[in-house]
Amino acid sequence: MSSHSLYVETGRYTRQRIDRIQRYCTFCNSHDIEDEFRFVIKCPIYEHIRKNCIKSYYIRRPSMQKFVELMTSCNRLVIKNLSTYICQAFDLRNSLIVT
Protein backbone atom coordinates (compact mmCIF):
# COMPACT_ATOMS: atom_id res chain seq x y z
CA MET A 1 0.00 0.00 0.00
CA SER A 2 2.98 2.30 0.52
CA SER A 3 1.08 4.13 3.25
CA HIS A 4 4.10 4.94 5.39
CA SER A 5 6.46 7.86 5.82
CA LEU A 6 9.73 6.26 4.70
CA TYR A 7 11.71 8.47 2.35
CA VAL A 8 11.37 5.98 -0.52
CA GLU A 9 7.70 7.06 -0.65
CA THR A 10 7.68 10.64 0.62
CA GLY A 11 10.54 11.62 -1.71
CA ARG A 12 8.32 11.11 -4.71
CA TYR A 13 5.76 13.64 -3.46
CA THR A 14 8.01 16.57 -2.57
CA ARG A 15 7.80 19.79 -4.57
CA GLN A 16 10.89 18.85 -6.48
CA ARG A 17 10.55 15.10 -6.91
CA ILE A 18 13.67 13.25 -5.78
CA ASP A 19 14.95 10.35 -7.87
CA ARG A 20 14.47 7.02 -6.11
CA ILE A 21 18.20 6.29 -5.99
CA GLN A 22 18.74 9.54 -4.05
CA ARG A 23 16.15 8.93 -1.31
CA TYR A 24 18.78 8.06 1.27
CA CYS A 25 18.25 7.21 4.89
CA THR A 26 18.77 10.50 6.70
CA PHE A 27 19.60 8.89 10.04
CA CYS A 28 22.92 7.28 9.15
CA ASN A 29 25.68 7.82 6.60
CA SER A 30 25.20 4.64 4.61
CA HIS A 31 23.85 6.25 1.42
CA ASP A 32 21.30 3.43 1.18
CA ILE A 33 17.76 4.12 0.07
CA GLU A 34 15.39 4.36 3.03
CA ASP A 35 13.00 1.62 1.96
CA GLU A 36 11.07 -1.09 3.76
CA PHE A 37 13.92 -3.63 3.62
CA ARG A 38 16.40 -1.20 5.14
CA PHE A 39 13.93 0.01 7.77
CA VAL A 40 13.04 -3.49 8.98
CA ILE A 41 16.28 -5.40 8.48
CA LYS A 42 19.35 -3.20 8.14
CA CYS A 43 19.32 0.36 9.48
CA PRO A 44 21.64 0.54 12.52
CA ILE A 45 19.49 3.23 14.17
CA TYR A 46 16.84 0.59 14.99
CA GLU A 47 19.23 -2.24 15.89
CA HIS A 48 18.37 -2.34 19.60
CA ILE A 49 14.64 -2.55 18.82
CA ARG A 50 15.21 -5.10 16.08
CA LYS A 51 17.20 -7.41 18.39
CA ASN A 52 14.30 -7.47 20.86
CA CYS A 53 11.56 -8.10 18.31
CA ILE A 54 12.90 -9.99 15.30
CA LYS A 55 14.57 -13.40 15.35
CA SER A 56 18.26 -13.32 14.56
CA TYR A 57 17.67 -15.66 11.60
CA TYR A 58 16.12 -12.75 9.66
CA ILE A 59 18.75 -10.14 10.53
CA ARG A 60 21.91 -12.24 10.43
CA ARG A 61 23.18 -12.17 6.86
CA PRO A 62 20.09 -10.29 5.63
CA SER A 63 18.63 -11.02 2.22
CA MET A 64 15.53 -10.13 0.28
CA GLN A 65 14.42 -13.76 0.53
CA LYS A 66 14.50 -13.63 4.34
CA PHE A 67 12.75 -10.26 4.30
CA VAL A 68 9.91 -11.61 2.15
CA GLU A 69 9.72 -14.68 4.39
CA LEU A 70 9.39 -12.42 7.44
CA MET A 71 6.81 -10.14 5.84
CA THR A 72 4.65 -13.03 4.64
CA SER A 73 4.87 -15.17 7.76
CA CYS A 74 1.66 -16.74 9.05
CA ASN A 75 3.12 -17.38 12.50
CA ARG A 76 1.15 -15.28 14.98
CA LEU A 77 4.14 -14.61 17.24
CA VAL A 78 6.33 -13.51 14.32
CA ILE A 79 3.56 -11.17 13.12
CA LYS A 80 3.02 -9.77 16.63
CA ASN A 81 6.76 -9.17 17.13
CA LEU A 82 7.10 -7.59 13.68
CA SER A 83 4.18 -5.28 14.46
CA THR A 84 5.78 -4.30 17.75
CA TYR A 85 9.05 -3.59 15.96
CA ILE A 86 7.39 -1.43 13.31
CA CYS A 87 5.50 0.62 15.91
CA GLN A 88 8.56 1.18 18.10
CA ALA A 89 10.87 1.90 15.17
CA PHE A 90 8.46 4.45 13.67
CA ASP A 91 8.10 6.08 17.10
CA LEU A 92 11.88 6.41 17.28
CA ARG A 93 12.09 7.63 13.68
CA ASN A 94 9.41 10.23 14.27
CA SER A 95 11.15 11.46 17.43
CA LEU A 96 14.36 11.98 15.43
CA ILE A 97 12.76 13.97 12.63
CA VAL A 98 13.33 17.69 13.01
CA THR A 99 10.35 19.71 11.79
PDB file of N, CA and C in Angstrom:
ATOM      1  N   MET A   1       0.814  -1.196   0.000  1.00  0.00           N
ATOM      2  CA  MET A   1       0.000   0.000   0.000  1.00  0.00           C
ATOM      3  C   MET A   1       0.857   1.259   0.000  1.00  0.00           C
ATOM      4  N   SER A   2       2.071   1.152   0.464  1.00  0.00           N
ATOM      5  CA  SER A   2       2.982   2.302   0.522  1.00  0.00           C
ATOM      6  C   SER A   2       2.418   3.438   1.360  1.00  0.00           C
ATOM      7  N   SER A   3       1.679   3.104   2.389  1.00  0.00           N
ATOM      8  CA  SER A   3       1.085   4.128   3.251  1.00  0.00           C
ATOM      9  C   SER A   3       1.939   4.313   4.503  1.00  0.00           C
ATOM     10  N   HIS A   4       3.182   4.688   4.284  1.00  0.00           N
ATOM     11  CA  HIS A   4       4.100   4.939   5.385  1.00  0.00           C
ATOM     12  C   HIS A   4       4.912   6.181   5.060  1.00  0.00           C
ATOM     13  N   SER A   5       5.732   6.608   5.998  1.00  0.00           N
ATOM     14  CA  SER A   5       6.465   7.856   5.822  1.00  0.00           C
ATOM     15  C   SER A   5       7.953   7.655   5.539  1.00  0.00           C
ATOM     16  N   LEU A   6       8.328   6.464   5.061  1.00  0.00           N
ATOM     17  CA  LEU A   6       9.726   6.256   4.699  1.00  0.00           C
ATOM     18  C   LEU A   6      10.057   7.102   3.476  1.00  0.00           C
ATOM     19  N   TYR A   7      11.297   7.527   3.397  1.00  0.00           N
ATOM     20  CA  TYR A   7      11.708   8.467   2.354  1.00  0.00           C
ATOM     21  C   TYR A   7      11.547   7.901   0.944  1.00  0.00           C
ATOM     22  N   VAL A   8      11.573   6.582   0.798  1.00  0.00           N
ATOM     23  CA  VAL A   8      11.366   5.983  -0.521  1.00  0.00           C
ATOM     24  C   VAL A   8      10.003   6.392  -1.089  1.00  0.00           C
ATOM     25  N   GLU A   9       9.036   6.624  -0.219  1.00  0.00           N
ATOM     26  CA  GLU A   9       7.698   7.062  -0.649  1.00  0.00           C
ATOM     27  C   GLU A   9       7.556   8.579  -0.618  1.00  0.00           C
ATOM     28  N   THR A  10       7.908   9.202   0.492  1.00  0.00           N
ATOM     29  CA  THR A  10       7.677  10.641   0.621  1.00  0.00           C
ATOM     30  C   THR A  10       8.521  11.447  -0.356  1.00  0.00           C
ATOM     31  N   GLY A  11       9.677  10.917  -0.763  1.00  0.00           N
ATOM     32  CA  GLY A  11      10.537  11.622  -1.706  1.00  0.00           C
ATOM     33  C   GLY A  11       9.925  11.801  -3.074  1.00  0.00           C
ATOM     34  N   ARG A  12       8.955  10.981  -3.395  1.00  0.00           N
ATOM     35  CA  ARG A  12       8.317  11.113  -4.713  1.00  0.00           C
ATOM     36  C   ARG A  12       7.235  12.192  -4.720  1.00  0.00           C
ATOM     37  N   TYR A  13       6.839  12.661  -3.530  1.00  0.00           N
ATOM     38  CA  TYR A  13       5.761  13.642  -3.463  1.00  0.00           C
ATOM     39  C   TYR A  13       6.219  15.038  -3.057  1.00  0.00           C
ATOM     40  N   THR A  14       7.519  15.243  -2.917  1.00  0.00           N
ATOM     41  CA  THR A  14       8.009  16.570  -2.570  1.00  0.00           C
ATOM     42  C   THR A  14       7.851  17.508  -3.759  1.00  0.00           C
ATOM     43  N   ARG A  15       7.940  18.796  -3.495  1.00  0.00           N
ATOM     44  CA  ARG A  15       7.801  19.786  -4.575  1.00  0.00           C
ATOM     45  C   ARG A  15       8.700  19.474  -5.741  1.00  0.00           C
ATOM     46  N   GLN A  16       9.960  19.260  -5.438  1.00  0.00           N
ATOM     47  CA  GLN A  16      10.888  18.850  -6.483  1.00  0.00           C
ATOM     48  C   GLN A  16      11.160  17.370  -6.273  1.00  0.00           C
ATOM     49  N   ARG A  17      10.463  16.551  -7.057  1.00  0.00           N
ATOM     50  CA  ARG A  17      10.545  15.100  -6.913  1.00  0.00           C
ATOM     51  C   ARG A  17      12.003  14.645  -6.887  1.00  0.00           C
ATOM     52  N   ILE A  18      12.317  13.770  -5.944  1.00  0.00           N
ATOM     53  CA  ILE A  18      13.670  13.253  -5.780  1.00  0.00           C
ATOM     54  C   ILE A  18      13.750  11.874  -6.424  1.00  0.00           C
ATOM     55  N   ASP A  19      14.771  11.660  -7.236  1.00  0.00           N
ATOM     56  CA  ASP A  19      14.950  10.350  -7.867  1.00  0.00           C
ATOM     57  C   ASP A  19      15.056   9.273  -6.806  1.00  0.00           C
ATOM     58  N   ARG A  20      14.504   8.116  -7.078  1.00  0.00           N
ATOM     59  CA  ARG A  20      14.473   7.021  -6.111  1.00  0.00           C
ATOM     60  C   ARG A  20      15.858   6.688  -5.573  1.00  0.00           C
ATOM     61  N   ILE A  21      16.858   6.673  -6.420  1.00  0.00           N
ATOM     62  CA  ILE A  21      18.200   6.289  -5.987  1.00  0.00           C
ATOM     63  C   ILE A  21      18.845   7.336  -5.080  1.00  0.00           C
ATOM     64  N   GLN A  22      18.207   8.496  -4.922  1.00  0.00           N
ATOM     65  CA  GLN A  22      18.737   9.540  -4.047  1.00  0.00           C
ATOM     66  C   GLN A  22      17.903   9.726  -2.779  1.00  0.00           C
ATOM     67  N   ARG A  23      16.982   8.841  -2.520  1.00  0.00           N
ATOM     68  CA  ARG A  23      16.150   8.932  -1.315  1.00  0.00           C
ATOM     69  C   ARG A  23      16.811   8.177  -0.174  1.00  0.00           C
ATOM     70  N   TYR A  24      17.945   8.702   0.263  1.00  0.00           N
ATOM     71  CA  TYR A  24      18.776   8.058   1.275  1.00  0.00           C
ATOM     72  C   TYR A  24      18.160   8.127   2.665  1.00  0.00           C
ATOM     73  N   CYS A  25      18.572   7.170   3.471  1.00  0.00           N
ATOM     74  CA  CYS A  25      18.249   7.205   4.890  1.00  0.00           C
ATOM     75  C   CYS A  25      18.945   8.421   5.485  1.00  0.00           C
ATOM     76  N   THR A  26      18.203   9.266   6.155  1.00  0.00           N
ATOM     77  CA  THR A  26      18.765  10.497   6.699  1.00  0.00           C
ATOM     78  C   THR A  26      19.282  10.330   8.128  1.00  0.00           C
ATOM     79  N   PHE A  27      19.207   9.127   8.663  1.00  0.00           N
ATOM     80  CA  PHE A  27      19.603   8.894  10.043  1.00  0.00           C
ATOM     81  C   PHE A  27      20.980   8.255  10.191  1.00  0.00           C
ATOM     82  N   CYS A  28      21.573   7.833   9.101  1.00  0.00           N
ATOM     83  CA  CYS A  28      22.921   7.278   9.145  1.00  0.00           C
ATOM     84  C   CYS A  28      23.628   7.663   7.845  1.00  0.00           C
ATOM     85  N   ASN A  29      24.898   7.394   7.759  1.00  0.00           N
ATOM     86  CA  ASN A  29      25.680   7.819   6.604  1.00  0.00           C
ATOM     87  C   ASN A  29      25.919   6.700   5.600  1.00  0.00           C
ATOM     88  N   SER A  30      24.995   5.814   5.462  1.00  0.00           N
ATOM     89  CA  SER A  30      25.197   4.638   4.611  1.00  0.00           C
ATOM     90  C   SER A  30      24.980   4.913   3.132  1.00  0.00           C
ATOM     91  N   HIS A  31      24.241   5.953   2.807  1.00  0.00           N
ATOM     92  CA  HIS A  31      23.855   6.253   1.423  1.00  0.00           C
ATOM     93  C   HIS A  31      23.052   5.112   0.808  1.00  0.00           C
ATOM     94  N   ASP A  32      22.255   4.441   1.648  1.00  0.00           N
ATOM     95  CA  ASP A  32      21.303   3.434   1.182  1.00  0.00           C
ATOM     96  C   ASP A  32      19.933   4.076   1.114  1.00  0.00           C
ATOM     97  N   ILE A  33      19.120   3.613   0.198  1.00  0.00           N
ATOM     98  CA  ILE A  33      17.757   4.115   0.070  1.00  0.00           C
ATOM     99  C   ILE A  33      16.966   3.721   1.310  1.00  0.00           C
ATOM    100  N   GLU A  34      16.223   4.666   1.865  1.00  0.00           N
ATOM    101  CA  GLU A  34      15.390   4.359   3.031  1.00  0.00           C
ATOM    102  C   GLU A  34      14.103   3.704   2.542  1.00  0.00           C
ATOM    103  N   ASP A  35      14.171   2.387   2.391  1.00  0.00           N
ATOM    104  CA  ASP A  35      13.004   1.624   1.958  1.00  0.00           C
ATOM    105  C   ASP A  35      12.603   0.636   3.046  1.00  0.00           C
ATOM    106  N   GLU A  36      11.609  -0.161   2.775  1.00  0.00           N
ATOM    107  CA  GLU A  36      11.072  -1.088   3.764  1.00  0.00           C
ATOM    108  C   GLU A  36      12.116  -2.112   4.225  1.00  0.00           C
ATOM    109  N   PHE A  37      12.890  -2.643   3.280  1.00  0.00           N
ATOM    110  CA  PHE A  37      13.916  -3.628   3.619  1.00  0.00           C
ATOM    111  C   PHE A  37      14.931  -3.029   4.596  1.00  0.00           C
ATOM    112  N   ARG A  38      15.414  -1.860   4.285  1.00  0.00           N
ATOM    113  CA  ARG A  38      16.402  -1.202   5.139  1.00  0.00           C
ATOM    114  C   ARG A  38      15.809  -0.879   6.506  1.00  0.00           C
ATOM    115  N   PHE A  39      14.594  -0.363   6.519  1.00  0.00           N
ATOM    116  CA  PHE A  39      13.930   0.011   7.766  1.00  0.00           C
ATOM    117  C   PHE A  39      13.759  -1.194   8.693  1.00  0.00           C
ATOM    118  N   VAL A  40      13.324  -2.307   8.152  1.00  0.00           N
ATOM    119  CA  VAL A  40      13.035  -3.488   8.984  1.00  0.00           C
ATOM    120  C   VAL A  40      14.290  -4.298   9.290  1.00  0.00           C
ATOM    121  N   ILE A  41      15.191  -4.437   8.344  1.00  0.00           N
ATOM    122  CA  ILE A  41      16.281  -5.401   8.478  1.00  0.00           C
ATOM    123  C   ILE A  41      17.664  -4.800   8.725  1.00  0.00           C
ATOM    124  N   LYS A  42      17.960  -3.634   8.164  1.00  0.00           N
ATOM    125  CA  LYS A  42      19.353  -3.197   8.136  1.00  0.00           C
ATOM    126  C   LYS A  42      19.733  -1.932   8.891  1.00  0.00           C
ATOM    127  N   CYS A  43      18.904  -0.946   8.962  1.00  0.00           N
ATOM    128  CA  CYS A  43      19.322   0.358   9.483  1.00  0.00           C
ATOM    129  C   CYS A  43      19.831   0.233  10.921  1.00  0.00           C
ATOM    130  N   PRO A  44      21.058   0.686  11.175  1.00  0.00           N
ATOM    131  CA  PRO A  44      21.636   0.542  12.517  1.00  0.00           C
ATOM    132  C   PRO A  44      20.935   1.374  13.594  1.00  0.00           C
ATOM    133  N   ILE A  45      20.207   2.382  13.207  1.00  0.00           N
ATOM    134  CA  ILE A  45      19.490   3.226  14.171  1.00  0.00           C
ATOM    135  C   ILE A  45      18.477   2.397  14.976  1.00  0.00           C
ATOM    136  N   TYR A  46      17.901   1.395  14.351  1.00  0.00           N
ATOM    137  CA  TYR A  46      16.842   0.592  14.988  1.00  0.00           C
ATOM    138  C   TYR A  46      17.353  -0.750  15.509  1.00  0.00           C
ATOM    139  N   GLU A  47      18.656  -0.940  15.537  1.00  0.00           N
ATOM    140  CA  GLU A  47      19.232  -2.242  15.888  1.00  0.00           C
ATOM    141  C   GLU A  47      18.778  -2.758  17.247  1.00  0.00           C
ATOM    142  N   HIS A  48      18.756  -1.892  18.259  1.00  0.00           N
ATOM    143  CA  HIS A  48      18.367  -2.344  19.602  1.00  0.00           C
ATOM    144  C   HIS A  48      16.901  -2.789  19.643  1.00  0.00           C
ATOM    145  N   ILE A  49      16.055  -2.140  18.893  1.00  0.00           N
ATOM    146  CA  ILE A  49      14.642  -2.546  18.824  1.00  0.00           C
ATOM    147  C   ILE A  49      14.537  -3.854  18.047  1.00  0.00           C
ATOM    148  N   ARG A  50      15.243  -3.921  16.947  1.00  0.00           N
ATOM    149  CA  ARG A  50      15.212  -5.104  16.077  1.00  0.00           C
ATOM    150  C   ARG A  50      15.633  -6.357  16.840  1.00  0.00           C
ATOM    151  N   LYS A  51      16.707  -6.251  17.641  1.00  0.00           N
ATOM    152  CA  LYS A  51      17.198  -7.411  18.385  1.00  0.00           C
ATOM    153  C   LYS A  51      16.171  -7.934  19.378  1.00  0.00           C
ATOM    154  N   ASN A  52      15.325  -7.055  19.893  1.00  0.00           N
ATOM    155  CA  ASN A  52      14.301  -7.468  20.859  1.00  0.00           C
ATOM    156  C   ASN A  52      13.051  -8.040  20.199  1.00  0.00           C
ATOM    157  N   CYS A  53      12.841  -7.741  18.932  1.00  0.00           N
ATOM    158  CA  CYS A  53      11.564  -8.098  18.307  1.00  0.00           C
ATOM    159  C   CYS A  53      11.661  -9.107  17.164  1.00  0.00           C
ATOM    160  N   ILE A  54      12.793  -9.164  16.497  1.00  0.00           N
ATOM    161  CA  ILE A  54      12.905  -9.993  15.300  1.00  0.00           C
ATOM    162  C   ILE A  54      13.965 -11.058  15.522  1.00  0.00           C
ATOM    163  N   LYS A  55      13.634 -12.289  15.180  1.00  0.00           N
ATOM    164  CA  LYS A  55      14.569 -13.401  15.350  1.00  0.00           C
ATOM    165  C   LYS A  55      15.846 -13.142  14.574  1.00  0.00           C
ATOM    166  N   SER A  56      16.955 -13.564  15.166  1.00  0.00           N
ATOM    167  CA  SER A  56      18.261 -13.318  14.557  1.00  0.00           C
ATOM    168  C   SER A  56      18.389 -13.961  13.172  1.00  0.00           C
ATOM    169  N   TYR A  57      17.643 -15.015  12.916  1.00  0.00           N
ATOM    170  CA  TYR A  57      17.666 -15.656  11.597  1.00  0.00           C
ATOM    171  C   TYR A  57      17.427 -14.635  10.484  1.00  0.00           C
ATOM    172  N   TYR A  58      16.492 -13.713  10.698  1.00  0.00           N
ATOM    173  CA  TYR A  58      16.124 -12.754   9.662  1.00  0.00           C
ATOM    174  C   TYR A  58      17.145 -11.628   9.513  1.00  0.00           C
ATOM    175  N   ILE A  59      17.846 -11.296  10.584  1.00  0.00           N
ATOM    176  CA  ILE A  59      18.751 -10.144  10.530  1.00  0.00           C
ATOM    177  C   ILE A  59      20.226 -10.527  10.370  1.00  0.00           C
ATOM    178  N   ARG A  60      20.551 -11.767  10.658  1.00  0.00           N
ATOM    179  CA  ARG A  60      21.912 -12.236  10.428  1.00  0.00           C
ATOM    180  C   ARG A  60      22.035 -12.578   8.951  1.00  0.00           C
ATOM    181  N   ARG A  61      23.005 -11.991   8.302  1.00  0.00           N
ATOM    182  CA  ARG A  61      23.182 -12.168   6.856  1.00  0.00           C
ATOM    183  C   ARG A  61      21.854 -11.887   6.124  1.00  0.00           C
ATOM    184  N   PRO A  62      21.401 -10.648   6.195  1.00  0.00           N
ATOM    185  CA  PRO A  62      20.095 -10.293   5.631  1.00  0.00           C
ATOM    186  C   PRO A  62      20.035 -10.487   4.117  1.00  0.00           C
ATOM    187  N   SER A  63      18.858 -10.853   3.654  1.00  0.00           N
ATOM    188  CA  SER A  63      18.628 -11.015   2.217  1.00  0.00           C
ATOM    189  C   SER A  63      17.174 -10.674   1.920  1.00  0.00           C
ATOM    190  N   MET A  64      16.897 -10.414   0.672  1.00  0.00           N
ATOM    191  CA  MET A  64      15.527 -10.127   0.275  1.00  0.00           C
ATOM    192  C   MET A  64      14.644 -11.352   0.499  1.00  0.00           C
ATOM    193  N   GLN A  65      15.194 -12.528   0.306  1.00  0.00           N
ATOM    194  CA  GLN A  65      14.422 -13.758   0.526  1.00  0.00           C
ATOM    195  C   GLN A  65      13.958 -13.858   1.987  1.00  0.00           C
ATOM    196  N   LYS A  66      14.862 -13.589   2.926  1.00  0.00           N
ATOM    197  CA  LYS A  66      14.497 -13.635   4.339  1.00  0.00           C
ATOM    198  C   LYS A  66      13.498 -12.531   4.678  1.00  0.00           C
ATOM    199  N   PHE A  67      13.672 -11.372   4.078  1.00  0.00           N
ATOM    200  CA  PHE A  67      12.751 -10.261   4.304  1.00  0.00           C
ATOM    201  C   PHE A  67      11.337 -10.628   3.847  1.00  0.00           C
ATOM    202  N   VAL A  68      11.222 -11.192   2.667  1.00  0.00           N
ATOM    203  CA  VAL A  68       9.912 -11.611   2.149  1.00  0.00           C
ATOM    204  C   VAL A  68       9.321 -12.697   3.039  1.00  0.00           C
ATOM    205  N   GLU A  69      10.160 -13.617   3.476  1.00  0.00           N
ATOM    206  CA  GLU A  69       9.717 -14.681   4.389  1.00  0.00           C
ATOM    207  C   GLU A  69       9.156 -14.082   5.679  1.00  0.00           C
ATOM    208  N   LEU A  70       9.849 -13.092   6.225  1.00  0.00           N
ATOM    209  CA  LEU A  70       9.388 -12.421   7.442  1.00  0.00           C
ATOM    210  C   LEU A  70       8.067 -11.696   7.196  1.00  0.00           C
ATOM    211  N   MET A  71       7.993 -10.953   6.125  1.00  0.00           N
ATOM    212  CA  MET A  71       6.812 -10.138   5.838  1.00  0.00           C
ATOM    213  C   MET A  71       5.586 -10.968   5.472  1.00  0.00           C
ATOM    214  N   THR A  72       5.780 -12.185   5.036  1.00  0.00           N
ATOM    215  CA  THR A  72       4.654 -13.030   4.635  1.00  0.00           C
ATOM    216  C   THR A  72       4.391 -14.167   5.622  1.00  0.00           C
ATOM    217  N   SER A  73       5.032 -14.116   6.763  1.00  0.00           N
ATOM    218  CA  SER A  73       4.865 -15.169   7.760  1.00  0.00           C
ATOM    219  C   SER A  73       3.408 -15.281   8.216  1.00  0.00           C
ATOM    220  N   CYS A  74       3.009 -16.487   8.501  1.00  0.00           N
ATOM    221  CA  CYS A  74       1.664 -16.740   9.047  1.00  0.00           C
ATOM    222  C   CYS A  74       1.728 -17.061  10.542  1.00  0.00           C
ATOM    223  N   ASN A  75       2.928 -17.096  11.079  1.00  0.00           N
ATOM    224  CA  ASN A  75       3.119 -17.378  12.498  1.00  0.00           C
ATOM    225  C   ASN A  75       2.674 -16.173  13.309  1.00  0.00           C
ATOM    226  N   ARG A  76       1.733 -16.381  14.204  1.00  0.00           N
ATOM    227  CA  ARG A  76       1.145 -15.278  14.982  1.00  0.00           C
ATOM    228  C   ARG A  76       2.191 -14.527  15.818  1.00  0.00           C
ATOM    229  N   LEU A  77       3.121 -15.249  16.421  1.00  0.00           N
ATOM    230  CA  LEU A  77       4.139 -14.611  17.244  1.00  0.00           C
ATOM    231  C   LEU A  77       5.083 -13.756  16.387  1.00  0.00           C
ATOM    232  N   VAL A  78       5.460 -14.262  15.226  1.00  0.00           N
ATOM    233  CA  VAL A  78       6.326 -13.508  14.318  1.00  0.00           C
ATOM    234  C   VAL A  78       5.613 -12.227  13.883  1.00  0.00           C
ATOM    235  N   ILE A  79       4.342 -12.334  13.548  1.00  0.00           N
ATOM    236  CA  ILE A  79       3.561 -11.167  13.120  1.00  0.00           C
ATOM    237  C   ILE A  79       3.428 -10.162  14.260  1.00  0.00           C
ATOM    238  N   LYS A  80       3.153 -10.650  15.467  1.00  0.00           N
ATOM    239  CA  LYS A  80       3.022  -9.766  16.629  1.00  0.00           C
ATOM    240  C   LYS A  80       4.339  -9.043  16.898  1.00  0.00           C
ATOM    241  N   ASN A  81       5.448  -9.774  16.876  1.00  0.00           N
ATOM    242  CA  ASN A  81       6.756  -9.166  17.129  1.00  0.00           C
ATOM    243  C   ASN A  81       7.140  -8.178  16.022  1.00  0.00           C
ATOM    244  N   LEU A  82       6.831  -8.505  14.788  1.00  0.00           N
ATOM    245  CA  LEU A  82       7.102  -7.592  13.677  1.00  0.00           C
ATOM    246  C   LEU A  82       6.287  -6.314  13.831  1.00  0.00           C
ATOM    247  N   SER A  83       5.041  -6.445  14.230  1.00  0.00           N
ATOM    248  CA  SER A  83       4.182  -5.279  14.457  1.00  0.00           C
ATOM    249  C   SER A  83       4.732  -4.408  15.580  1.00  0.00           C
ATOM    250  N   THR A  84       5.178  -5.039  16.641  1.00  0.00           N
ATOM    251  CA  THR A  84       5.779  -4.303  17.753  1.00  0.00           C
ATOM    252  C   THR A  84       7.013  -3.551  17.280  1.00  0.00           C
ATOM    253  N   TYR A  85       7.847  -4.234  16.496  1.00  0.00           N
ATOM    254  CA  TYR A  85       9.046  -3.591  15.961  1.00  0.00           C
ATOM    255  C   TYR A  85       8.681  -2.372  15.122  1.00  0.00           C
ATOM    256  N   ILE A  86       7.757  -2.525  14.210  1.00  0.00           N
ATOM    257  CA  ILE A  86       7.387  -1.430  13.310  1.00  0.00           C
ATOM    258  C   ILE A  86       6.871  -0.232  14.108  1.00  0.00           C
ATOM    259  N   CYS A  87       6.022  -0.476  15.086  1.00  0.00           N
ATOM    260  CA  CYS A  87       5.497   0.623  15.912  1.00  0.00           C
ATOM    261  C   CYS A  87       6.618   1.333  16.667  1.00  0.00           C
ATOM    262  N   GLN A  88       7.477   0.573  17.318  1.00  0.00           N
ATOM    263  CA  GLN A  88       8.557   1.175  18.101  1.00  0.00           C
ATOM    264  C   GLN A  88       9.578   1.883  17.206  1.00  0.00           C
ATOM    265  N   ALA A  89       9.890   1.286  16.073  1.00  0.00           N
ATOM    266  CA  ALA A  89      10.867   1.899  15.167  1.00  0.00           C
ATOM    267  C   ALA A  89      10.319   3.191  14.565  1.00  0.00           C
ATOM    268  N   PHE A  90       9.040   3.208  14.187  1.00  0.00           N
ATOM    269  CA  PHE A  90       8.456   4.447  13.670  1.00  0.00           C
ATOM    270  C   PHE A  90       8.368   5.514  14.764  1.00  0.00           C
ATOM    271  N   ASP A  91       8.087   5.106  15.995  1.00  0.00           N
ATOM    272  CA  ASP A  91       8.101   6.078  17.097  1.00  0.00           C
ATOM    273  C   ASP A  91       9.481   6.707  17.238  1.00  0.00           C
ATOM    274  N   LEU A  92      10.525   5.874  17.201  1.00  0.00           N
ATOM    275  CA  LEU A  92      11.885   6.411  17.283  1.00  0.00           C
ATOM    276  C   LEU A  92      12.189   7.295  16.085  1.00  0.00           C
ATOM    277  N   ARG A  93      11.854   6.841  14.902  1.00  0.00           N
ATOM    278  CA  ARG A  93      12.094   7.625  13.682  1.00  0.00           C
ATOM    279  C   ARG A  93      11.406   8.978  13.770  1.00  0.00           C
ATOM    280  N   ASN A  94      10.149   8.984  14.178  1.00  0.00           N
ATOM    281  CA  ASN A  94       9.408  10.234  14.275  1.00  0.00           C
ATOM    282  C   ASN A  94       9.992  11.175  15.329  1.00  0.00           C
ATOM    283  N   SER A  95      10.547  10.621  16.394  1.00  0.00           N
ATOM    284  CA  SER A  95      11.147  11.461  17.426  1.00  0.00           C
ATOM    285  C   SER A  95      12.468  12.080  16.952  1.00  0.00           C
ATOM    286  N   LEU A  96      13.097  11.484  15.958  1.00  0.00           N
ATOM    287  CA  LEU A  96      14.365  11.983  15.431  1.00  0.00           C
ATOM    288  C   LEU A  96      14.193  13.017  14.325  1.00  0.00           C
ATOM    289  N   ILE A  97      13.017  13.060  13.738  1.00  0.00           N
ATOM    290  CA  ILE A  97      12.764  13.974  12.635  1.00  0.00           C
ATOM    291  C   ILE A  97      12.611  15.398  13.169  1.00  0.00           C
ATOM    292  N   VAL A  98      13.389  16.274  12.617  1.00  0.00           N
ATOM    293  CA  VAL A  98      13.330  17.687  13.005  1.00  0.00           C
ATOM    294  C   VAL A  98      12.346  18.374  12.058  1.00  0.00           C
ATOM    295  N   THR A  99      11.343  19.024  12.629  1.00  0.00           N
ATOM    296  CA  THR A  99      10.350  19.708  11.786  1.00  0.00           C
ATOM    297  C   THR A  99      10.604  21.183  11.705  1.00  0.00           C
TER     298      THR A  99
END
